[in-house]
Amino acid sequence: MAAEDKGFRAGPASSYPHQESEKVTIGAKPYTSADDVESAFGKKIDFGRYGVVPVLVVVENKREKALDMRELEASLVATDGRQAKAVPPEDLPFLATEGHPPNQTGVKLPVPVHIPKKNPLNSPEIAIRAFSAKMLAPGDSASGFFYFEAKPEAGDKLYVNGLKDARSQQELLYFEFGLGK
């Protein structure tokens, strides 16, 4: 990780709610408490105020082949089937613009033209810690945050798909597991 990370390190995938398939383990943890957010982002950002749930995702490749993660997608799914796709970190500041409360549909209307400098979701730590790995060598792991425009609820599940064998481009099974509360 980069020097800007100020010591934040993810644990092994198995230390979080996780699933293993085809020698790949994916673990995840929503960061919704003030202490968790401060430990990861170095300062208190009230993600909940803006309807954002940061979820740490750790992928461990115990296979003998590399993983292609260029098409990796993550979705947060509530018990009633509502689904939130991950929001790119560069779009998060638009969720915290004055007079534009977060919505659960993903449609940002009206589109703000100017993002104030004091916007708490315009922090460099958010982009630095976003999940960005595109390939994963055998025996290696990668971690980072996915950001969802949602409210955390008991029974939330994380769906992760788009992992492929780097050489054959055959997609691995999708991962689905509860995040716990």
C-alpha atoms as a PDB file:
ATOM      1  CA  MET A   1       0.000   0.000   0.000  1.00  0.00           C
ATOM      2  CA  ALA A   2       1.049   3.582  -0.540  1.00  0.00           C
ATOM      3  CA  ALA A   3       2.770   5.706   2.088  1.00  0.00           C
ATOM      4  CA  GLU A   4      -0.382   7.834   2.353  1.00  0.00           C
ATOM      5  CA  ASP A   5      -2.175   4.900   4.000  1.00  0.00           C
ATOM      6  CA  LYS A   6      -0.904   5.901   7.469  1.00  0.00           C
ATOM      7  CA  GLY A   7      -0.610   2.312   8.645  1.00  0.00           C
ATOM      8  CA  PHE A   8      -4.050   0.986   7.672  1.00  0.00           C
ATOM      9  CA  ARG A   9      -3.830  -2.694   6.795  1.00  0.00           C
ATOM     10  CA  ALA A  10      -6.628  -5.121   6.103  1.00  0.00           C
ATOM     11  CA  GLY A  11      -6.596  -8.462   7.874  1.00  0.00           C
ATOM     12  CA  PRO A  12      -6.803 -11.822   6.118  1.00  0.00           C
ATOM     13  CA  ALA A  13     -10.047 -12.497   4.222  1.00  0.00           C
ATOM     14  CA  SER A  14     -10.977 -15.250   6.691  1.00  0.00           C
ATOM     15  CA  SER A  15     -10.986 -12.752   9.591  1.00  0.00           C
ATOM     16  CA  TYR A  16     -14.131 -11.110   8.151  1.00  0.00           C
ATOM     17  CA  PRO A  17     -17.431 -12.618   7.035  1.00  0.00           C
ATOM     18  CA  HIS A  18     -16.228 -14.577   3.996  1.00  0.00           C
ATOM     19  CA  GLN A  19     -16.770 -17.244   1.388  1.00  0.00           C
ATOM     20  CA  GLU A  20     -14.310 -19.557  -0.325  1.00  0.00           C
ATOM     21  CA  SER A  21     -14.699 -21.069  -3.791  1.00  0.00           C
ATOM     22  CA  GLU A  22     -12.182 -22.572  -6.203  1.00  0.00           C
ATOM     23  CA  LYS A  23      -9.272 -21.693  -3.860  1.00  0.00           C
ATOM     24  CA  VAL A  24     -10.272 -18.024  -3.762  1.00  0.00           C
ATOM     25  CA  THR A  25     -11.417 -16.475  -0.485  1.00  0.00           C
ATOM     26  CA  ILE A  26     -13.282 -13.181  -0.341  1.00  0.00           C
ATOM     27  CA  GLY A  27     -13.955 -11.502   2.979  1.00  0.00           C
ATOM     28  CA  ALA A  28     -15.708  -8.217   3.649  1.00  0.00           C
ATOM     29  CA  LYS A  29     -16.635  -5.872   6.459  1.00  0.00           C
ATOM     30  CA  PRO A  30     -18.857  -2.787   6.371  1.00  0.00           C
ATOM     31  CA  TYR A  31     -17.196   0.195   8.073  1.00  0.00           C
ATOM     32  CA  THR A  32     -20.146   1.894   9.729  1.00  0.00           C
ATOM     33  CA  SER A  33     -18.931   2.715  13.242  1.00  0.00           C
ATOM     34  CA  ALA A  34     -17.002   5.913  13.969  1.00  0.00           C
ATOM     35  CA  ASP A  35     -14.041   3.882  15.288  1.00  0.00           C
ATOM     36  CA  ASP A  36     -13.851   1.716  12.160  1.00  0.00           C
ATOM     37  CA  VAL A  37     -14.069   4.741   9.875  1.00  0.00           C
ATOM     38  CA  GLU A  38     -11.370   6.578  11.826  1.00  0.00           C
ATOM     39  CA  SER A  39      -9.057   3.535  11.782  1.00  0.00           C
ATOM     40  CA  ALA A  40      -9.325   3.266   7.998  1.00  0.00           C
ATOM     41  CA  PHE A  41      -9.552   6.890   6.895  1.00  0.00           C
ATOM     42  CA  GLY A  42      -7.491   8.663   9.564  1.00  0.00           C
ATOM     43  CA  LYS A  43     -10.190  11.143  10.408  1.00  0.00           C
ATOM     44  CA  LYS A  44     -13.858  10.950  11.104  1.00  0.00           C
ATOM     45  CA  ILE A  45     -15.943  11.095   7.957  1.00  0.00           C
ATOM     46  CA  ASP A  46     -19.624  10.636   8.701  1.00  0.00           C
ATOM     47  CA  PHE A  47     -20.426   8.384   5.749  1.00  0.00           C
ATOM     48  CA  GLY A  48     -23.838   7.568   7.237  1.00  0.00           C
ATOM     49  CA  ARG A  49     -24.865  11.230   7.087  1.00  0.00           C
ATOM     50  CA  TYR A  50     -24.575  11.055   3.298  1.00  0.00           C
ATOM     51  CA  GLY A  51     -26.084   7.604   2.897  1.00  0.00           C
ATOM     52  CA  VAL A  52     -22.778   5.897   2.068  1.00  0.00           C
ATOM     53  CA  VAL A  53     -21.645   2.492   3.331  1.00  0.00           C
ATOM     54  CA  PRO A  54     -17.922   1.775   2.821  1.00  0.00           C
ATOM     55  CA  VAL A  55     -17.254  -1.978   2.666  1.00  0.00           C
ATOM     56  CA  LEU A  56     -13.725  -3.351   2.936  1.00  0.00           C
ATOM     57  CA  VAL A  57     -13.208  -6.298   0.560  1.00  0.00           C
ATOM     58  CA  VAL A  58     -10.227  -8.656   0.790  1.00  0.00           C
ATOM     59  CA  VAL A  59      -9.518 -11.169  -2.003  1.00  0.00           C
ATOM     60  CA  GLU A  60      -7.006 -13.998  -1.453  1.00  0.00           C
ATOM     61  CA  ASN A  61      -5.862 -16.099  -4.410  1.00  0.00           C
ATOM     62  CA  LYS A  62      -4.714 -19.528  -3.189  1.00  0.00           C
ATOM     63  CA  ARG A  63      -4.777 -20.912  -6.735  1.00  0.00           C
ATOM     64  CA  GLU A  64      -1.789 -21.722  -8.905  1.00  0.00           C
ATOM     65  CA  LYS A  65      -3.100 -19.345 -11.571  1.00  0.00           C
ATOM     66  CA  ALA A  66      -3.494 -15.582 -11.663  1.00  0.00           C
ATOM     67  CA  LEU A  67      -6.897 -13.910 -11.367  1.00  0.00           C
ATOM     68  CA  ASP A  68      -8.177 -11.237 -13.736  1.00  0.00           C
ATOM     69  CA  MET A  69     -10.216  -8.733 -11.712  1.00  0.00           C
ATOM     70  CA  ARG A  70     -10.692  -6.033 -14.351  1.00  0.00           C
ATOM     71  CA  GLU A  71     -14.441  -6.748 -14.465  1.00  0.00           C
ATOM     72  CA  LEU A  72     -14.900  -7.264 -10.711  1.00  0.00           C
ATOM     73  CA  GLU A  73     -18.263  -5.950  -9.501  1.00  0.00           C
ATOM     74  CA  ALA A  74     -19.692  -5.701  -6.009  1.00  0.00           C
ATOM     75  CA  SER A  75     -23.313  -5.167  -4.971  1.00  0.00           C
ATOM     76  CA  LEU A  76     -24.898  -4.678  -1.565  1.00  0.00           C
ATOM     77  CA  VAL A  77     -28.253  -6.464  -1.331  1.00  0.00           C
ATOM     78  CA  ALA A  78     -30.841  -5.976   1.421  1.00  0.00           C
ATOM     79  CA  THR A  79     -33.028  -8.813   2.702  1.00  0.00           C
ATOM     80  CA  ASP A  80     -35.992  -7.512   0.668  1.00  0.00           C
ATOM     81  CA  GLY A  81     -33.980  -7.656  -2.583  1.00  0.00           C
ATOM     82  CA  ARG A  82     -33.079  -3.963  -2.928  1.00  0.00           C
ATOM     83  CA  GLN A  83     -29.675  -3.743  -4.547  1.00  0.00           C
ATOM     84  CA  ALA A  84     -27.010  -1.035  -4.532  1.00  0.00           C
ATOM     85  CA  LYS A  85     -24.106  -1.156  -6.973  1.00  0.00           C
ATOM     86  CA  ALA A  86     -20.762   0.240  -5.869  1.00  0.00           C
ATOM     87  CA  VAL A  87     -20.304   3.974  -6.451  1.00  0.00           C
ATOM     88  CA  PRO A  88     -16.917   4.978  -7.921  1.00  0.00           C
ATOM     89  CA  PRO A  89     -14.923   7.052  -5.388  1.00  0.00           C
ATOM     90  CA  GLU A  90     -14.772  10.012  -7.777  1.00  0.00           C
ATOM     91  CA  ASP A  91     -18.601  10.195  -7.722  1.00  0.00           C
ATOM     92  CA  LEU A  92     -18.915  10.258  -3.912  1.00  0.00           C
ATOM     93  CA  PRO A  93     -18.468  14.052  -3.538  1.00  0.00           C
ATOM     94  CA  PHE A  94     -21.684  14.555  -5.520  1.00  0.00           C
ATOM     95  CA  LEU A  95     -23.578  12.744  -2.754  1.00  0.00           C
ATOM     96  CA  ALA A  96     -22.510  15.360  -0.193  1.00  0.00           C
ATOM     97  CA  THR A  97     -23.378  18.556  -2.034  1.00  0.00           C
ATOM     98  CA  GLU A  98     -25.425  21.091  -0.103  1.00  0.00           C
ATOM     99  CA  GLY A  99     -29.156  20.720  -0.600  1.00  0.00           C
ATOM    100  CA  HIS A 100     -28.868  17.388  -2.363  1.00  0.00           C
ATOM    101  CA  PRO A 101     -29.684  14.621   0.126  1.00  0.00           C
ATOM    102  CA  PRO A 102     -28.661  11.107  -0.818  1.00  0.00           C
ATOM    103  CA  ASN A 103     -31.175   8.985  -2.653  1.00  0.00           C
ATOM    104  CA  GLN A 104     -31.482   5.240  -2.969  1.00  0.00           C
ATOM    105  CA  THR A 105     -32.125   5.159  -6.730  1.00  0.00           C
ATOM    106  CA  GLY A 106     -28.661   6.113  -7.956  1.00  0.00           C
ATOM    107  CA  VAL A 107     -30.031   9.041  -9.986  1.00  0.00           C
ATOM    108  CA  LYS A 108     -28.345  12.321  -9.041  1.00  0.00           C
ATOM    109  CA  LEU A 109     -30.729  15.109 -10.059  1.00  0.00           C
ATOM    110  CA  PRO A 110     -30.042  17.950 -10.375  1.00  0.00           C
ATOM    111  CA  VAL A 111     -26.393  17.362 -11.130  1.00  0.00           C
ATOM    112  CA  PRO A 112     -24.229  19.744  -9.077  1.00  0.00           C
ATOM    113  CA  VAL A 113     -21.792  21.808 -11.119  1.00  0.00           C
ATOM    114  CA  HIS A 114     -19.430  22.747  -8.290  1.00  0.00           C
ATOM    115  CA  ILE A 115     -18.128  20.553  -5.476  1.00  0.00           C
ATOM    116  CA  PRO A 116     -17.209  22.680  -2.422  1.00  0.00           C
ATOM    117  CA  LYS A 117     -13.608  22.276  -1.197  1.00  0.00           C
ATOM    118  CA  LYS A 118     -14.813  21.410   2.315  1.00  0.00           C
ATOM    119  CA  ASN A 119     -16.846  18.485   1.004  1.00  0.00           C
ATOM    120  CA  PRO A 120     -16.084  15.594   3.420  1.00  0.00           C
ATOM    121  CA  LEU A 121     -16.508  12.997   0.665  1.00  0.00           C
ATOM    122  CA  ASN A 122     -13.841  14.739  -1.437  1.00  0.00           C
ATOM    123  CA  SER A 123     -11.064  13.324   0.751  1.00  0.00           C
ATOM    124  CA  PRO A 124      -7.993  11.765  -0.912  1.00  0.00           C
ATOM    125  CA  GLU A 125      -8.130   8.824   1.541  1.00  0.00           C
ATOM    126  CA  ILE A 126     -11.391   7.689  -0.049  1.00  0.00           C
ATOM    127  CA  ALA A 127      -9.778   7.239  -3.470  1.00  0.00           C
ATOM    128  CA  ILE A 128      -6.506   5.867  -2.045  1.00  0.00           C
ATOM    129  CA  ARG A 129      -8.334   3.099  -0.179  1.00  0.00           C
ATOM    130  CA  ALA A 130     -10.759   2.182  -2.976  1.00  0.00           C
ATOM    131  CA  PHE A 131     -10.435  -1.334  -4.353  1.00  0.00           C
ATOM    132  CA  SER A 132      -8.324  -0.972  -7.480  1.00  0.00           C
ATOM    133  CA  ALA A 133      -6.511  -4.272  -8.118  1.00  0.00           C
ATOM    134  CA  LYS A 134      -6.896  -5.506 -11.699  1.00  0.00           C
ATOM    135  CA  MET A 135      -4.854  -8.730 -11.529  1.00  0.00           C
ATOM    136  CA  LEU A 136      -3.978 -11.001  -8.630  1.00  0.00           C
ATOM    137  CA  ALA A 137      -0.952 -13.289  -8.757  1.00  0.00           C
ATOM    138  CA  PRO A 138      -1.069 -16.836  -7.352  1.00  0.00           C
ATOM    139  CA  GLY A 139      -0.726 -16.818  -3.562  1.00  0.00           C
ATOM    140  CA  ASP A 140      -1.311 -13.059  -3.349  1.00  0.00           C
ATOM    141  CA  SER A 141      -4.080 -10.947  -1.848  1.00  0.00           C
ATOM    142  CA  ALA A 142      -5.621  -7.550  -2.535  1.00  0.00           C
ATOM    143  CA  SER A 143      -7.900  -5.320  -0.497  1.00  0.00           C
ATOM    144  CA  GLY A 144      -9.756  -2.053  -0.728  1.00  0.00           C
ATOM    145  CA  PHE A 145     -13.090  -0.375  -0.179  1.00  0.00           C
ATOM    146  CA  PHE A 146     -16.232  -0.397  -2.268  1.00  0.00           C
ATOM    147  CA  TYR A 147     -18.642   2.459  -1.522  1.00  0.00           C
ATOM    148  CA  PHE A 148     -22.404   1.954  -1.676  1.00  0.00           C
ATOM    149  CA  GLU A 149     -25.197   4.530  -1.626  1.00  0.00           C
ATOM    150  CA  ALA A 150     -27.319   2.741   0.951  1.00  0.00           C
ATOM    151  CA  LYS A 151     -28.117   2.474   4.638  1.00  0.00           C
ATOM    152  CA  PRO A 152     -26.659  -0.520   6.496  1.00  0.00           C
ATOM    153  CA  GLU A 153     -29.324  -3.008   7.559  1.00  0.00           C
ATOM    154  CA  ALA A 154     -29.285  -6.300   9.426  1.00  0.00           C
ATOM    155  CA  GLY A 155     -29.156  -9.121   6.902  1.00  0.00           C
ATOM    156  CA  ASP A 156     -27.261  -7.206   4.202  1.00  0.00           C
ATOM    157  CA  LYS A 157     -25.400  -9.458   1.777  1.00  0.00           C
ATOM    158  CA  LEU A 158     -22.485  -8.750  -0.492  1.00  0.00           C
ATOM    159  CA  TYR A 159     -22.426 -10.153  -4.026  1.00  0.00           C
ATOM    160  CA  VAL A 160     -19.098 -10.207  -5.846  1.00  0.00           C
ATOM    161  CA  ASN A 161     -18.715 -11.399  -9.420  1.00  0.00           C
ATOM    162  CA  GLY A 162     -16.488 -10.834 -12.433  1.00  0.00           C
ATOM    163  CA  LEU A 163     -13.446 -12.787 -11.218  1.00  0.00           C
ATOM    164  CA  LYS A 164     -11.830 -14.678 -14.098  1.00  0.00           C
ATOM    165  CA  ASP A 165      -8.934 -17.008 -14.654  1.00  0.00           C
ATOM    166  CA  ALA A 166      -6.331 -14.695 -16.203  1.00  0.00           C
ATOM    167  CA  ARG A 167      -5.248 -17.131 -18.894  1.00  0.00           C
ATOM    168  CA  SER A 168      -8.505 -18.852 -19.968  1.00  0.00           C
ATOM    169  CA  GLN A 169     -10.835 -15.919 -19.124  1.00  0.00           C
ATOM    170  CA  GLN A 170     -13.259 -18.449 -17.628  1.00  0.00           C
ATOM    171  CA  GLU A 171     -15.342 -16.731 -14.959  1.00  0.00           C
ATOM    172  CA  LEU A 172     -15.296 -18.149 -11.440  1.00  0.00           C
ATOM    173  CA  LEU A 173     -18.529 -18.645  -9.563  1.00  0.00           C
ATOM    174  CA  TYR A 174     -19.954 -15.518  -7.973  1.00  0.00           C
ATOM    175  CA  PHE A 175     -19.532 -14.960  -4.255  1.00  0.00           C
ATOM    176  CA  GLU A 176     -22.489 -14.236  -1.973  1.00  0.00           C
ATOM    177  CA  PHE A 177     -22.328 -13.920   1.788  1.00  0.00           C
ATOM    178  CA  GLY A 178     -23.856 -12.073   4.711  1.00  0.00           C
ATOM    179  CA  LEU A 179     -21.975  -9.148   6.173  1.00  0.00           C
ATOM    180  CA  GLY A 180     -23.195  -9.673   9.721  1.00  0.00           C
ATOM    181  CA  LYS A 181     -23.910  -6.832  12.134  1.00  0.00           C
END
